[in-house]
């Protein structure tokens, strides 16, 4: 659940891994010296699979910043951590996030019906993507 309104304190808590459900590894996404988003990676209990997620503030969208961050994190996860699969879940209506995933090489696997609760309280469908070793696009 994403707090509403989402404050700078919420963002710092998330990036530090202090919020409930925060990824094990969280990183700031920057544009110059400015933090414009975050990206994270959580591993499954057997450490062969990870789940990633990200957000970028509206003013930084459309410049490839999130795509670069996702590509770097995915390369690290697949090459350095030797993961065999990365999962990524987006809101069904978040086409920009889906395009970002696809530009990096993630493949759409399907729709997860009534999967996630949104900040407004509605239960929404999600789209599941995955990336396997050898599928990362440069």
Protein backbone atom coordinates (compact mmCIF):
# COMPACT_ATOMS: atom_id res chain seq x y z
CA UNK A 1 0.00 0.00 0.00
CA UNK A 2 1.42 3.36 -1.05
CA UNK A 3 0.72 6.17 1.44
CA UNK A 4 -1.39 9.11 0.23
CA UNK A 5 -0.08 11.73 0.14
CA UNK A 6 3.38 10.25 -0.56
CA UNK A 7 5.83 12.50 1.26
CA UNK A 8 9.61 12.84 1.13
CA UNK A 9 9.71 11.07 4.51
CA UNK A 10 7.79 8.13 2.99
CA UNK A 11 10.28 7.98 0.12
CA UNK A 12 13.28 8.03 2.46
CA UNK A 13 11.73 5.31 4.64
CA UNK A 14 11.17 3.17 1.53
CA UNK A 15 14.68 3.67 0.11
CA UNK A 16 16.23 2.84 3.50
CA UNK A 17 14.24 -0.43 3.52
CA UNK A 18 12.39 0.59 6.69
CA UNK A 19 8.82 0.47 5.38
CA UNK A 20 6.77 -2.73 5.56
CA UNK A 21 7.11 -4.68 2.34
CA UNK A 22 10.11 -2.68 1.15
CA UNK A 23 12.53 -4.53 -1.11
CA UNK A 24 15.66 -6.04 0.40
CA UNK A 25 17.80 -3.87 -1.88
CA UNK A 26 16.48 -0.38 -2.65
CA UNK A 27 18.24 2.25 -4.70
CA UNK A 28 17.56 5.87 -5.50
CA UNK A 29 17.00 6.81 -9.14
CA UNK A 30 18.72 10.12 -9.79
CA UNK A 31 18.84 12.76 -12.48
CA UNK A 32 22.02 14.70 -11.84
CA UNK A 33 22.08 15.39 -8.10
CA UNK A 34 18.31 15.08 -7.71
CA UNK A 35 16.52 11.94 -6.47
CA UNK A 36 13.60 11.39 -8.85
CA UNK A 37 12.53 7.86 -7.95
CA UNK A 38 13.46 4.50 -6.51
CA UNK A 39 13.97 0.94 -7.69
CA UNK A 40 14.22 -2.21 -5.61
CA UNK A 41 14.86 -5.93 -5.67
CA UNK A 42 13.53 -8.63 -3.36
CA UNK A 43 14.77 -12.22 -3.56
CA UNK A 44 12.74 -15.35 -2.98
CA UNK A 45 13.73 -17.59 -0.05
CA UNK A 46 15.87 -19.88 -2.26
CA UNK A 47 17.68 -16.88 -3.81
CA UNK A 48 17.20 -17.96 -7.45
CA UNK A 49 14.43 -15.49 -8.31
CA UNK A 50 13.87 -11.81 -7.67
CA UNK A 51 11.03 -9.32 -7.90
CA UNK A 52 11.70 -5.75 -8.93
CA UNK A 53 9.61 -2.61 -8.86
CA UNK A 54 10.17 1.08 -9.41
CA UNK A 55 8.61 4.51 -9.46
CA UNK A 56 9.68 7.82 -10.96
CA UNK A 57 8.17 11.19 -10.20
CA UNK A 58 6.09 12.73 -12.97
CA UNK A 59 8.58 15.49 -13.82
CA UNK A 60 11.29 12.91 -14.63
CA UNK A 61 9.21 10.61 -16.82
CA UNK A 62 9.69 10.21 -20.55
CA UNK A 63 13.47 10.71 -20.49
CA UNK A 64 14.61 7.08 -20.24
CA UNK A 65 15.72 7.45 -16.63
CA UNK A 66 13.64 4.56 -15.34
CA UNK A 67 14.60 2.34 -18.30
CA UNK A 68 18.30 2.89 -17.57
CA UNK A 69 17.79 2.16 -13.87
CA UNK A 70 15.84 -1.02 -14.62
CA UNK A 71 18.48 -2.18 -17.11
CA UNK A 72 21.31 -1.63 -14.59
CA UNK A 73 19.45 -3.39 -11.78
CA UNK A 74 18.48 -6.28 -14.06
CA UNK A 75 22.06 -6.75 -15.30
CA UNK A 76 23.31 -6.78 -11.71
CA UNK A 77 20.62 -9.24 -10.61
CA UNK A 78 21.19 -11.66 -13.50
CA UNK A 79 24.98 -11.38 -13.83
CA UNK A 80 26.27 -10.68 -10.32
CA UNK A 81 23.58 -12.35 -8.21
CA UNK A 82 23.13 -15.07 -10.85
CA UNK A 83 19.35 -15.02 -10.56
CA UNK A 84 17.45 -17.30 -12.91
CA UNK A 85 14.35 -15.10 -13.15
CA UNK A 86 13.21 -11.56 -12.44
CA UNK A 87 9.52 -10.81 -11.92
CA UNK A 88 7.98 -7.40 -12.44
CA UNK A 89 4.35 -6.48 -11.81
CA UNK A 90 2.66 -3.33 -13.10
CA UNK A 91 -0.80 -1.86 -12.82
CA UNK A 92 -2.88 -2.94 -15.80
CA UNK A 93 -3.42 0.69 -16.82
CA UNK A 94 0.21 1.82 -16.35
CA UNK A 95 1.24 1.56 -19.99
CA UNK A 96 4.40 3.65 -19.47
CA UNK A 97 5.69 1.23 -16.84
CA UNK A 98 4.88 -1.72 -19.10
CA UNK A 99 6.78 -0.13 -22.00
CA UNK A 100 9.76 0.48 -19.73
CA UNK A 101 9.81 -3.20 -18.78
CA UNK A 102 9.54 -4.27 -22.42
CA UNK A 103 12.39 -1.95 -23.52
CA UNK A 104 14.65 -3.76 -21.06
CA UNK A 105 13.58 -7.20 -22.32
CA UNK A 106 10.90 -8.22 -19.84
CA UNK A 107 8.18 -10.36 -21.42
CA UNK A 108 4.52 -10.02 -20.60
CA UNK A 109 3.18 -13.24 -19.09
CA UNK A 110 -0.40 -12.34 -18.30
CA UNK A 111 -2.93 -10.45 -16.23
CA UNK A 112 -3.32 -11.14 -12.51
CA UNK A 113 -6.97 -10.41 -11.80
CA UNK A 114 -7.94 -8.48 -8.65
CA UNK A 115 -4.32 -8.63 -7.57
CA UNK A 116 -3.26 -5.39 -5.85
CA UNK A 117 -4.91 -2.81 -3.62
CA UNK A 118 -4.40 0.76 -4.82
CA UNK A 119 -3.98 3.77 -2.54
CA UNK A 120 -7.61 4.72 -3.26
CA UNK A 121 -8.72 1.36 -1.82
CA UNK A 122 -9.74 -0.30 -5.08
CA UNK A 123 -8.53 -3.80 -5.87
CA UNK A 124 -6.96 -3.68 -9.32
CA UNK A 125 -5.67 -6.05 -11.97
CA UNK A 126 -1.92 -6.30 -12.52
CA UNK A 127 0.23 -7.35 -15.44
CA UNK A 128 3.00 -9.88 -14.78
CA UNK A 129 6.33 -9.65 -16.63
CA UNK A 130 9.47 -11.75 -16.37
CA UNK A 131 13.08 -11.57 -17.52
CA UNK A 132 15.36 -14.61 -17.82
CA UNK A 133 19.13 -14.77 -18.34
CA UNK A 134 19.99 -13.97 -21.95
CA UNK A 135 16.87 -11.83 -22.52
CA UNK A 136 18.22 -8.46 -21.32
CA UNK A 137 18.14 -5.86 -24.10
CA UNK A 138 20.98 -3.35 -24.29
